[in-house]
């Protein structure tokens, strides 16, 4: 919480004086900008994030980062409590909710539009109750049976991500004859489950799942063929930020670039995705990608 130290002459500064801020009106999905690609800031409330090594595992540090991204211009803050990196261990819904719910509540109170990054129906339901406006589900082909019904009942936007298997098995499932065509076909199959549960087409946002059950060449192939994702008729989100295939591309002297060294390449993907018409990009470093989408929008004007 912001604070002011005691002013000179008013007594010893034995404790900070809290500055109370009025809660802002709740942000609404329908009020998001429509004249440019949106920027979603990534907020991992986990001890094993591949990107930051768990620097924001506590509610206080996570809220502070979320607010920094919000004030830097992020359109959406995506809060997650379970790592989805390759090889990550699963987290129970109870532990996931313990991590994310205080963060969501604080960010919503501050006026941020929040999405919940989860594969668990119970966590998604609790997060929506806490104020989250979007469900971002990377479970892909392993979607929980109750998730489509929840999305239909709550009527919130749902990000449908392509992934085969889970964090421990997905790398071994990156076998395709035509990766883009098969990703589109498998997304269509999951979409049919959503439709059958009563989810409206306009609720669905598709994410090709860069880095999930795909090797480096397949990731680049999908990025090159984003137009085939648009053919599904939904908004498209691109989430390539700091991922391993960028580190490999930026290898110097046989050493892959570390996650924090991949932000310029991430911004390049942001610009190219925005130029192709992506609805949103999901990134760790908000500022450069926000600049990139504004440039892309100005050129297209």
C-alpha atoms as a PDB file:
ATOM      1  CA  UNK A   1       0.000   0.000   0.000  1.00  0.00           C
ATOM      2  CA  UNK A   2       1.201   3.545  -0.724  1.00  0.00           C
ATOM      3  CA  UNK A   3       2.219   5.470   2.393  1.00  0.00           C
ATOM      4  CA  UNK A   4       3.458   8.849   3.536  1.00  0.00           C
ATOM      5  CA  UNK A   5       6.087   9.226   6.245  1.00  0.00           C
ATOM      6  CA  UNK A   6       5.435  11.648   9.074  1.00  0.00           C
ATOM      7  CA  UNK A   7       6.139  15.241   8.086  1.00  0.00           C
ATOM      8  CA  UNK A   8       8.933  17.152   9.882  1.00  0.00           C
ATOM      9  CA  UNK A   9       7.768  18.676  13.141  1.00  0.00           C
ATOM     10  CA  UNK A  10       4.805  16.336  13.563  1.00  0.00           C
ATOM     11  CA  UNK A  11       6.505  13.710  15.721  1.00  0.00           C
ATOM     12  CA  UNK A  12       8.687  10.665  15.193  1.00  0.00           C
ATOM     13  CA  UNK A  13       8.112   8.672  12.014  1.00  0.00           C
ATOM     14  CA  UNK A  14       7.424   5.489  13.915  1.00  0.00           C
ATOM     15  CA  UNK A  15       5.000   4.104  11.319  1.00  0.00           C
ATOM     16  CA  UNK A  16       3.779   4.965   7.842  1.00  0.00           C
ATOM     17  CA  UNK A  17       0.477   6.708   7.355  1.00  0.00           C
ATOM     18  CA  UNK A  18      -1.634   4.827   4.802  1.00  0.00           C
ATOM     19  CA  UNK A  19      -2.987   6.687   1.800  1.00  0.00           C
ATOM     20  CA  UNK A  20      -6.397   5.230   1.125  1.00  0.00           C
ATOM     21  CA  UNK A  21      -7.497   5.174  -2.510  1.00  0.00           C
ATOM     22  CA  UNK A  22     -11.128   4.894  -3.496  1.00  0.00           C
ATOM     23  CA  UNK A  23     -11.913   1.726  -5.467  1.00  0.00           C
ATOM     24  CA  UNK A  24     -12.199   2.428  -9.179  1.00  0.00           C
ATOM     25  CA  UNK A  25     -15.249   1.340 -11.193  1.00  0.00           C
ATOM     26  CA  UNK A  26     -14.966  -2.239 -12.383  1.00  0.00           C
ATOM     27  CA  UNK A  27     -13.362  -2.500 -15.818  1.00  0.00           C
ATOM     28  CA  UNK A  28     -15.514  -4.070 -18.521  1.00  0.00           C
ATOM     29  CA  UNK A  29     -14.524  -6.278 -21.441  1.00  0.00           C
ATOM     30  CA  UNK A  30     -16.746  -4.319 -23.807  1.00  0.00           C
ATOM     31  CA  UNK A  31     -14.835  -1.119 -23.012  1.00  0.00           C
ATOM     32  CA  UNK A  32     -11.493  -2.471 -24.243  1.00  0.00           C
ATOM     33  CA  UNK A  33      -9.916  -0.596 -27.174  1.00  0.00           C
ATOM     34  CA  UNK A  34     -11.008  -1.816 -30.593  1.00  0.00           C
ATOM     35  CA  UNK A  35      -8.695   0.283 -32.767  1.00  0.00           C
ATOM     36  CA  UNK A  36      -5.531  -1.725 -32.059  1.00  0.00           C
ATOM     37  CA  UNK A  37      -4.249  -5.060 -30.828  1.00  0.00           C
ATOM     38  CA  UNK A  38      -4.597  -5.410 -27.059  1.00  0.00           C
ATOM     39  CA  UNK A  39      -1.718  -6.072 -24.665  1.00  0.00           C
ATOM     40  CA  UNK A  40      -2.250  -8.659 -21.937  1.00  0.00           C
ATOM     41  CA  UNK A  41       0.311  -8.549 -19.126  1.00  0.00           C
ATOM     42  CA  UNK A  42       1.433 -11.875 -17.656  1.00  0.00           C
ATOM     43  CA  UNK A  43       1.322 -12.190 -13.864  1.00  0.00           C
ATOM     44  CA  UNK A  44       2.579 -15.547 -12.585  1.00  0.00           C
ATOM     45  CA  UNK A  45       1.890 -16.051  -8.875  1.00  0.00           C
ATOM     46  CA  UNK A  46       4.014 -19.187  -8.812  1.00  0.00           C
ATOM     47  CA  UNK A  47       7.313 -20.320  -7.283  1.00  0.00           C
ATOM     48  CA  UNK A  48       8.486 -21.991 -10.516  1.00  0.00           C
ATOM     49  CA  UNK A  49       7.807 -19.580 -13.373  1.00  0.00           C
ATOM     50  CA  UNK A  50      10.206 -20.112 -16.279  1.00  0.00           C
ATOM     51  CA  UNK A  51      10.357 -16.362 -16.868  1.00  0.00           C
ATOM     52  CA  UNK A  52      11.124 -14.864 -13.469  1.00  0.00           C
ATOM     53  CA  UNK A  53      11.996 -17.816 -11.264  1.00  0.00           C
ATOM     54  CA  UNK A  54       9.126 -17.138  -8.880  1.00  0.00           C
ATOM     55  CA  UNK A  55       9.923 -13.526  -7.977  1.00  0.00           C
ATOM     56  CA  UNK A  56       6.215 -12.747  -7.567  1.00  0.00           C
ATOM     57  CA  UNK A  57       5.029 -15.743  -5.622  1.00  0.00           C
ATOM     58  CA  UNK A  58       3.500 -13.760  -2.715  1.00  0.00           C
ATOM     59  CA  UNK A  59       0.282 -11.736  -2.976  1.00  0.00           C
ATOM     60  CA  UNK A  60       2.043  -8.463  -2.118  1.00  0.00           C
ATOM     61  CA  UNK A  61       4.768  -8.793  -4.756  1.00  0.00           C
ATOM     62  CA  UNK A  62       2.280 -10.073  -7.336  1.00  0.00           C
ATOM     63  CA  UNK A  63      -0.129  -7.213  -6.722  1.00  0.00           C
ATOM     64  CA  UNK A  64       2.713  -4.715  -6.995  1.00  0.00           C
ATOM     65  CA  UNK A  65       3.767  -6.123 -10.376  1.00  0.00           C
ATOM     66  CA  UNK A  66       0.173  -6.249 -11.579  1.00  0.00           C
ATOM     67  CA  UNK A  67      -0.325  -2.609 -10.686  1.00  0.00           C
ATOM     68  CA  UNK A  68       2.904  -1.640 -12.455  1.00  0.00           C
ATOM     69  CA  UNK A  69       1.717  -3.360 -15.623  1.00  0.00           C
ATOM     70  CA  UNK A  70      -1.720  -1.781 -15.296  1.00  0.00           C
ATOM     71  CA  UNK A  71      -0.305   1.718 -14.866  1.00  0.00           C
ATOM     72  CA  UNK A  72       2.123   1.043 -17.750  1.00  0.00           C
ATOM     73  CA  UNK A  73      -0.879   0.587 -20.026  1.00  0.00           C
ATOM     74  CA  UNK A  74      -1.685  -3.128 -20.041  1.00  0.00           C
ATOM     75  CA  UNK A  75      -5.243  -3.636 -21.255  1.00  0.00           C
ATOM     76  CA  UNK A  76      -5.638  -6.929 -19.384  1.00  0.00           C
ATOM     77  CA  UNK A  77      -3.725  -8.527 -16.496  1.00  0.00           C
ATOM     78  CA  UNK A  78      -3.607 -12.326 -16.784  1.00  0.00           C
ATOM     79  CA  UNK A  79      -3.234 -13.874 -13.327  1.00  0.00           C
ATOM     80  CA  UNK A  80      -2.094 -17.477 -13.023  1.00  0.00           C
ATOM     81  CA  UNK A  81      -1.236 -19.676 -10.057  1.00  0.00           C
ATOM     82  CA  UNK A  82       0.078 -22.794 -11.816  1.00  0.00           C
ATOM     83  CA  UNK A  83       3.108 -22.982 -14.069  1.00  0.00           C
ATOM     84  CA  UNK A  84       2.383 -24.388 -17.533  1.00  0.00           C
ATOM     85  CA  UNK A  85       6.014 -24.669 -18.624  1.00  0.00           C
ATOM     86  CA  UNK A  86       7.249 -27.993 -19.936  1.00  0.00           C
ATOM     87  CA  UNK A  87       7.807 -30.424 -17.074  1.00  0.00           C
ATOM     88  CA  UNK A  88       5.985 -28.370 -14.448  1.00  0.00           C
ATOM     89  CA  UNK A  89       4.328 -30.231 -11.593  1.00  0.00           C
ATOM     90  CA  UNK A  90       0.538 -29.885 -11.291  1.00  0.00           C
ATOM     91  CA  UNK A  91      -1.004 -27.692  -8.600  1.00  0.00           C
ATOM     92  CA  UNK A  92      -4.248 -28.435  -6.780  1.00  0.00           C
ATOM     93  CA  UNK A  93      -7.169 -26.075  -7.388  1.00  0.00           C
ATOM     94  CA  UNK A  94      -7.167 -25.225  -3.686  1.00  0.00           C
ATOM     95  CA  UNK A  95      -3.539 -24.094  -3.727  1.00  0.00           C
ATOM     96  CA  UNK A  96      -4.030 -22.301  -7.027  1.00  0.00           C
ATOM     97  CA  UNK A  97      -6.959 -20.337  -5.592  1.00  0.00           C
ATOM     98  CA  UNK A  98      -4.996 -19.484  -2.451  1.00  0.00           C
ATOM     99  CA  UNK A  99      -2.380 -17.881  -4.689  1.00  0.00           C
ATOM    100  CA  UNK A 100      -4.535 -16.024  -7.179  1.00  0.00           C
ATOM    101  CA  UNK A 101      -7.753 -14.873  -5.525  1.00  0.00           C
ATOM    102  CA  UNK A 102      -6.268 -12.109  -3.300  1.00  0.00           C
ATOM    103  CA  UNK A 103      -4.356 -10.801  -6.309  1.00  0.00           C
ATOM    104  CA  UNK A 104      -7.409 -10.759  -8.550  1.00  0.00           C
ATOM    105  CA  UNK A 105      -9.491  -8.990  -5.927  1.00  0.00           C
ATOM    106  CA  UNK A 106      -6.869  -6.282  -5.408  1.00  0.00           C
ATOM    107  CA  UNK A 107      -6.319  -5.638  -9.113  1.00  0.00           C
ATOM    108  CA  UNK A 108     -10.034  -5.510  -9.865  1.00  0.00           C
ATOM    109  CA  UNK A 109     -10.466  -3.044  -7.008  1.00  0.00           C
ATOM    110  CA  UNK A 110      -7.747  -0.893  -8.584  1.00  0.00           C
ATOM    111  CA  UNK A 111      -9.681  -0.800 -11.849  1.00  0.00           C
ATOM    112  CA  UNK A 112      -7.770  -3.388 -13.895  1.00  0.00           C
ATOM    113  CA  UNK A 113      -9.444  -5.823 -16.267  1.00  0.00           C
ATOM    114  CA  UNK A 114      -8.293  -9.248 -15.099  1.00  0.00           C
ATOM    115  CA  UNK A 115      -8.236 -12.646 -16.748  1.00  0.00           C
ATOM    116  CA  UNK A 116      -7.696 -15.903 -14.893  1.00  0.00           C
ATOM    117  CA  UNK A 117      -5.098 -18.254 -16.341  1.00  0.00           C
ATOM    118  CA  UNK A 118      -6.279 -21.667 -15.188  1.00  0.00           C
ATOM    119  CA  UNK A 119      -7.087 -25.183 -16.357  1.00  0.00           C
ATOM    120  CA  UNK A 120      -9.383 -25.876 -13.399  1.00  0.00           C
ATOM    121  CA  UNK A 121     -13.111 -25.236 -13.589  1.00  0.00           C
ATOM    122  CA  UNK A 122     -13.399 -24.582  -9.848  1.00  0.00           C
ATOM    123  CA  UNK A 123     -10.623 -21.971  -9.965  1.00  0.00           C
ATOM    124  CA  UNK A 124     -12.181 -20.313 -12.991  1.00  0.00           C
ATOM    125  CA  UNK A 125     -15.521 -20.103 -11.178  1.00  0.00           C
ATOM    126  CA  UNK A 126     -13.956 -18.653  -8.031  1.00  0.00           C
ATOM    127  CA  UNK A 127     -11.947 -16.144 -10.062  1.00  0.00           C
ATOM    128  CA  UNK A 128     -14.999 -14.926 -11.970  1.00  0.00           C
ATOM    129  CA  UNK A 129     -16.780 -14.538  -8.639  1.00  0.00           C
ATOM    130  CA  UNK A 130     -13.783 -12.466  -7.453  1.00  0.00           C
ATOM    131  CA  UNK A 131     -14.064 -10.184 -10.477  1.00  0.00           C
ATOM    132  CA  UNK A 132     -12.084 -11.804 -13.295  1.00  0.00           C
ATOM    133  CA  UNK A 133     -13.645 -10.928 -16.653  1.00  0.00           C
ATOM    134  CA  UNK A 134     -11.974 -13.531 -18.896  1.00  0.00           C
ATOM    135  CA  UNK A 135     -11.094 -17.217 -18.549  1.00  0.00           C
ATOM    136  CA  UNK A 136      -7.769 -18.123 -20.171  1.00  0.00           C
ATOM    137  CA  UNK A 137      -7.587 -21.923 -20.318  1.00  0.00           C
ATOM    138  CA  UNK A 138      -4.479 -23.593 -21.755  1.00  0.00           C
ATOM    139  CA  UNK A 139      -5.685 -27.159 -21.160  1.00  0.00           C
ATOM    140  CA  UNK A 140      -6.422 -27.642 -24.863  1.00  0.00           C
ATOM    141  CA  UNK A 141      -7.442 -31.199 -25.688  1.00  0.00           C
ATOM    142  CA  UNK A 142      -7.540 -32.079 -21.963  1.00  0.00           C
ATOM    143  CA  UNK A 143     -10.236 -29.498 -21.138  1.00  0.00           C
ATOM    144  CA  UNK A 144     -12.134 -30.360 -17.946  1.00  0.00           C
ATOM    145  CA  UNK A 145     -15.657 -31.663 -18.668  1.00  0.00           C
ATOM    146  CA  UNK A 146     -17.368 -28.955 -16.595  1.00  0.00           C
ATOM    147  CA  UNK A 147     -15.506 -26.002 -18.119  1.00  0.00           C
ATOM    148  CA  UNK A 148     -17.798 -25.507 -21.162  1.00  0.00           C
ATOM    149  CA  UNK A 149     -20.876 -25.352 -18.922  1.00  0.00           C
ATOM    150  CA  UNK A 150     -19.221 -22.765 -16.683  1.00  0.00           C
ATOM    151  CA  UNK A 151     -18.297 -20.600 -19.663  1.00  0.00           C
ATOM    152  CA  UNK A 152     -21.841 -20.829 -21.004  1.00  0.00           C
ATOM    153  CA  UNK A 153     -23.383 -20.009 -17.621  1.00  0.00           C
ATOM    154  CA  UNK A 154     -21.133 -17.071 -16.759  1.00  0.00           C
ATOM    155  CA  UNK A 155     -21.100 -15.724 -20.350  1.00  0.00           C
ATOM    156  CA  UNK A 156     -17.522 -14.481 -19.906  1.00  0.00           C
ATOM    157  CA  UNK A 157     -15.056 -14.509 -22.813  1.00  0.00           C
ATOM    158  CA  UNK A 158     -13.045 -17.724 -23.003  1.00  0.00           C
ATOM    159  CA  UNK A 159      -9.571 -18.121 -24.467  1.00  0.00           C
ATOM    160  CA  UNK A 160      -9.359 -21.526 -26.094  1.00  0.00           C
ATOM    161  CA  UNK A 161      -5.725 -22.606 -26.405  1.00  0.00           C
ATOM    162  CA  UNK A 162      -4.337 -25.467 -28.455  1.00  0.00           C
ATOM    163  CA  UNK A 163      -2.346 -28.013 -26.489  1.00  0.00           C
ATOM    164  CA  UNK A 164      -1.906 -31.747 -26.600  1.00  0.00           C
ATOM    165  CA  UNK A 165      -1.303 -33.610 -23.345  1.00  0.00           C
ATOM    166  CA  UNK A 166      -0.153 -31.845 -20.195  1.00  0.00           C
ATOM    167  CA  UNK A 167       3.012 -30.099 -19.030  1.00  0.00           C
ATOM    168  CA  UNK A 168       4.790 -33.409 -18.525  1.00  0.00           C
ATOM    169  CA  UNK A 169       3.785 -35.071 -21.811  1.00  0.00           C
ATOM    170  CA  UNK A 170       3.222 -32.285 -24.348  1.00  0.00           C
ATOM    171  CA  UNK A 171       6.767 -32.125 -25.771  1.00  0.00           C
ATOM    172  CA  UNK A 172       6.517 -35.748 -26.871  1.00  0.00           C
ATOM    173  CA  UNK A 173       3.267 -35.034 -28.731  1.00  0.00           C
ATOM    174  CA  UNK A 174       4.674 -32.479 -31.181  1.00  0.00           C
ATOM    175  CA  UNK A 175       4.164 -34.693 -34.227  1.00  0.00           C
ATOM    176  CA  UNK A 176       2.225 -33.201 -37.136  1.00  0.00           C
ATOM    177  CA  UNK A 177       1.966 -33.638 -40.892  1.00  0.00           C
ATOM    178  CA  UNK A 178       0.787 -30.039 -41.263  1.00  0.00           C
ATOM    179  CA  UNK A 179       0.980 -28.246 -37.934  1.00  0.00           C
ATOM    180  CA  UNK A 180      -1.233 -25.266 -38.786  1.00  0.00           C
ATOM    181  CA  UNK A 181      -3.999 -27.328 -40.354  1.00  0.00           C
ATOM    182  CA  UNK A 182      -3.998 -29.823 -37.495  1.00  0.00           C
ATOM    183  CA  UNK A 183      -4.018 -27.087 -34.852  1.00  0.00           C
ATOM    184  CA  UNK A 184      -7.007 -25.470 -36.561  1.00  0.00           C
ATOM    185  CA  UNK A 185      -8.817 -28.812 -36.794  1.00  0.00           C
ATOM    186  CA  UNK A 186      -8.178 -29.678 -33.132  1.00  0.00           C
ATOM    187  CA  UNK A 187      -9.281 -26.223 -31.985  1.00  0.00           C
ATOM    188  CA  UNK A 188     -12.472 -26.727 -33.994  1.00  0.00           C
ATOM    189  CA  UNK A 189     -13.087 -30.003 -32.177  1.00  0.00           C
ATOM    190  CA  UNK A 190     -12.801 -28.368 -28.752  1.00  0.00           C
ATOM    191  CA  UNK A 191     -14.953 -25.489 -29.957  1.00  0.00           C
ATOM    192  CA  UNK A 192     -17.709 -27.988 -30.783  1.00  0.00           C
ATOM    193  CA  UNK A 193     -17.768 -29.013 -27.098  1.00  0.00           C
ATOM    194  CA  UNK A 194     -18.179 -25.370 -26.122  1.00  0.00           C
ATOM    195  CA  UNK A 195     -20.969 -24.856 -28.628  1.00  0.00           C
ATOM    196  CA  UNK A 196     -22.740 -27.990 -27.402  1.00  0.00           C
ATOM    197  CA  UNK A 197     -22.742 -26.567 -23.875  1.00  0.00           C
ATOM    198  CA  UNK A 198     -24.303 -23.315 -25.047  1.00  0.00           C
ATOM    199  CA  UNK A 199     -21.228 -21.096 -25.370  1.00  0.00           C
ATOM    200  CA  UNK A 200     -21.821 -18.278 -27.855  1.00  0.00           C
ATOM    201  CA  UNK A 201     -19.371 -17.888 -30.779  1.00  0.00           C
ATOM    202  CA  UNK A 202     -18.540 -14.322 -29.739  1.00  0.00           C
ATOM    203  CA  UNK A 203     -17.304 -15.553 -26.333  1.00  0.00           C
ATOM    204  CA  UNK A 204     -14.513 -17.596 -27.884  1.00  0.00           C
ATOM    205  CA  UNK A 205     -10.980 -16.307 -28.449  1.00  0.00           C
ATOM    206  CA  UNK A 206      -8.498 -18.746 -29.975  1.00  0.00           C
ATOM    207  CA  UNK A 207      -4.813 -19.105 -29.123  1.00  0.00           C
ATOM    208  CA  UNK A 208      -2.688 -21.444 -31.296  1.00  0.00           C
ATOM    209  CA  UNK A 209      -0.647 -22.440 -28.254  1.00  0.00           C
ATOM    210  CA  UNK A 210       2.844 -21.369 -29.213  1.00  0.00           C
ATOM    211  CA  UNK A 211       5.286 -23.578 -27.289  1.00  0.00           C
ATOM    212  CA  UNK A 212       2.636 -26.085 -26.207  1.00  0.00           C
ATOM    213  CA  UNK A 213       3.173 -29.507 -27.835  1.00  0.00           C
ATOM    214  CA  UNK A 214       5.108 -27.833 -30.664  1.00  0.00           C
ATOM    215  CA  UNK A 215       8.778 -27.715 -31.537  1.00  0.00           C
ATOM    216  CA  UNK A 216      10.669 -24.624 -32.633  1.00  0.00           C
ATOM    217  CA  UNK A 217      10.035 -24.977 -36.366  1.00  0.00           C
ATOM    218  CA  UNK A 218       6.341 -25.631 -35.728  1.00  0.00           C
ATOM    219  CA  UNK A 219       6.044 -22.457 -33.654  1.00  0.00           C
ATOM    220  CA  UNK A 220       7.482 -20.390 -36.491  1.00  0.00           C
ATOM    221  CA  UNK A 221       5.224 -22.127 -38.995  1.00  0.00           C
ATOM    222  CA  UNK A 222       2.125 -21.222 -37.000  1.00  0.00           C
ATOM    223  CA  UNK A 223       3.211 -17.595 -36.640  1.00  0.00           C
ATOM    224  CA  UNK A 224       3.740 -17.448 -40.393  1.00  0.00           C
ATOM    225  CA  UNK A 225       0.225 -18.787 -41.016  1.00  0.00           C
ATOM    226  CA  UNK A 226      -1.878 -16.869 -38.504  1.00  0.00           C
ATOM    227  CA  UNK A 227      -4.373 -16.092 -41.278  1.00  0.00           C
ATOM    228  CA  UNK A 228      -5.533 -19.716 -41.090  1.00  0.00           C
ATOM    229  CA  UNK A 229      -6.428 -19.170 -37.430  1.00  0.00           C
ATOM    230  CA  UNK A 230      -8.517 -16.126 -38.361  1.00  0.00           C
ATOM    231  CA  UNK A 231     -10.483 -18.374 -40.715  1.00  0.00           C
ATOM    232  CA  UNK A 232     -12.086 -19.965 -37.638  1.00  0.00           C
ATOM    233  CA  UNK A 233     -14.072 -16.742 -37.263  1.00  0.00           C
ATOM    234  CA  UNK A 234     -12.916 -15.782 -33.750  1.00  0.00           C
ATOM    235  CA  UNK A 235     -10.582 -13.270 -32.176  1.00  0.00           C
ATOM    236  CA  UNK A 236      -6.996 -14.565 -32.096  1.00  0.00           C
ATOM    237  CA  UNK A 237      -4.483 -14.144 -29.284  1.00  0.00           C
ATOM    238  CA  UNK A 238      -0.743 -14.732 -29.707  1.00  0.00           C
ATOM    239  CA  UNK A 239       1.255 -15.756 -26.630  1.00  0.00           C
ATOM    240  CA  UNK A 240       4.916 -16.147 -27.569  1.00  0.00           C
ATOM    241  CA  UNK A 241       6.540 -13.994 -24.903  1.00  0.00           C
ATOM    242  CA  UNK A 242      10.032 -15.074 -23.794  1.00  0.00           C
ATOM    243  CA  UNK A 243       9.405 -18.650 -24.919  1.00  0.00           C
ATOM    244  CA  UNK A 244      12.153 -21.159 -25.499  1.00  0.00           C
ATOM    245  CA  UNK A 245      12.118 -20.997 -29.304  1.00  0.00           C
ATOM    246  CA  UNK A 246      13.066 -17.315 -29.071  1.00  0.00           C
ATOM    247  CA  UNK A 247      15.999 -18.153 -26.841  1.00  0.00           C
ATOM    248  CA  UNK A 248      17.212 -20.662 -29.413  1.00  0.00           C
ATOM    249  CA  UNK A 249      16.906 -18.136 -32.224  1.00  0.00           C
ATOM    250  CA  UNK A 250      19.002 -15.652 -30.257  1.00  0.00           C
ATOM    251  CA  UNK A 251      21.769 -18.124 -29.388  1.00  0.00           C
ATOM    252  CA  UNK A 252      25.196 -16.507 -29.075  1.00  0.00           C
ATOM    253  CA  UNK A 253      28.412 -18.536 -28.797  1.00  0.00           C
ATOM    254  CA  UNK A 254      26.376 -21.682 -28.334  1.00  0.00           C
ATOM    255  CA  UNK A 255      24.358 -20.258 -25.431  1.00  0.00           C
ATOM    256  CA  UNK A 256      20.613 -19.742 -25.714  1.00  0.00           C
ATOM    257  CA  UNK A 257      19.354 -16.301 -24.721  1.00  0.00           C
ATOM    258  CA  UNK A 258      17.939 -16.226 -21.193  1.00  0.00           C
ATOM    259  CA  UNK A 259      14.217 -15.433 -20.760  1.00  0.00           C
ATOM    260  CA  UNK A 260      14.856 -11.793 -19.783  1.00  0.00           C
ATOM    261  CA  UNK A 261      16.949 -11.364 -22.948  1.00  0.00           C
ATOM    262  CA  UNK A 262      14.035 -12.251 -25.224  1.00  0.00           C
ATOM    263  CA  UNK A 263      11.861  -9.146 -24.821  1.00  0.00           C
ATOM    264  CA  UNK A 264      13.013  -7.394 -28.007  1.00  0.00           C
ATOM    265  CA  UNK A 265      12.232 -10.515 -30.037  1.00  0.00           C
ATOM    266  CA  UNK A 266       8.880 -10.731 -28.255  1.00  0.00           C
ATOM    267  CA  UNK A 267       8.098  -7.141 -29.265  1.00  0.00           C
ATOM    268  CA  UNK A 268       8.963  -8.011 -32.864  1.00  0.00           C
ATOM    269  CA  UNK A 269       6.422 -10.843 -32.788  1.00  0.00           C
ATOM    270  CA  UNK A 270       3.933  -8.447 -31.235  1.00  0.00           C
ATOM    271  CA  UNK A 271       4.361  -5.983 -34.109  1.00  0.00           C
ATOM    272  CA  UNK A 272       4.017  -8.683 -36.765  1.00  0.00           C
ATOM    273  CA  UNK A 273       1.005 -10.269 -35.050  1.00  0.00           C
ATOM    274  CA  UNK A 274      -0.676  -6.884 -34.699  1.00  0.00           C
ATOM    275  CA  UNK A 275      -0.044  -6.148 -38.375  1.00  0.00           C
ATOM    276  CA  UNK A 276      -1.833  -9.402 -39.211  1.00  0.00           C
ATOM    277  CA  UNK A 277      -4.829  -8.459 -37.066  1.00  0.00           C
ATOM    278  CA  UNK A 278      -4.330 -10.302 -33.776  1.00  0.00           C
ATOM    279  CA  UNK A 279      -6.883  -9.365 -31.116  1.00  0.00           C
ATOM    280  CA  UNK A 280      -4.278  -9.481 -28.349  1.00  0.00           C
ATOM    281  CA  UNK A 281      -0.738 -10.447 -27.443  1.00  0.00           C
ATOM    282  CA  UNK A 282       0.151 -11.924 -24.077  1.00  0.00           C
ATOM    283  CA  UNK A 283       3.508 -10.593 -22.843  1.00  0.00           C
ATOM    284  CA  UNK A 284       5.729 -10.184 -19.812  1.00  0.00           C
ATOM    285  CA  UNK A 285       7.143  -6.740 -20.676  1.00  0.00           C
ATOM    286  CA  UNK A 286       4.170  -4.483 -21.394  1.00  0.00           C
ATOM    287  CA  UNK A 287       5.856  -1.259 -22.514  1.00  0.00           C
ATOM    288  CA  UNK A 288       7.634  -2.373 -25.705  1.00  0.00           C
ATOM    289  CA  UNK A 289       4.665  -4.406 -26.901  1.00  0.00           C
ATOM    290  CA  UNK A 290       2.272  -1.531 -26.236  1.00  0.00           C
ATOM    291  CA  UNK A 291       4.496   0.678 -28.379  1.00  0.00           C
ATOM    292  CA  UNK A 292       4.592  -2.023 -31.058  1.00  0.00           C
ATOM    293  CA  UNK A 293       0.807  -2.377 -31.323  1.00  0.00           C
ATOM    294  CA  UNK A 294       0.400   1.390 -31.509  1.00  0.00           C
ATOM    295  CA  UNK A 295       2.890   1.561 -34.392  1.00  0.00           C
ATOM    296  CA  UNK A 296       1.124  -1.285 -36.195  1.00  0.00           C
ATOM    297  CA  UNK A 297      -2.251   0.422 -35.728  1.00  0.00           C
ATOM    298  CA  UNK A 298      -0.938   3.744 -37.023  1.00  0.00           C
ATOM    299  CA  UNK A 299       0.508   2.154 -40.157  1.00  0.00           C
ATOM    300  CA  UNK A 300      -2.774   0.370 -40.825  1.00  0.00           C
ATOM    301  CA  UNK A 301      -4.892   3.490 -40.284  1.00  0.00           C
END
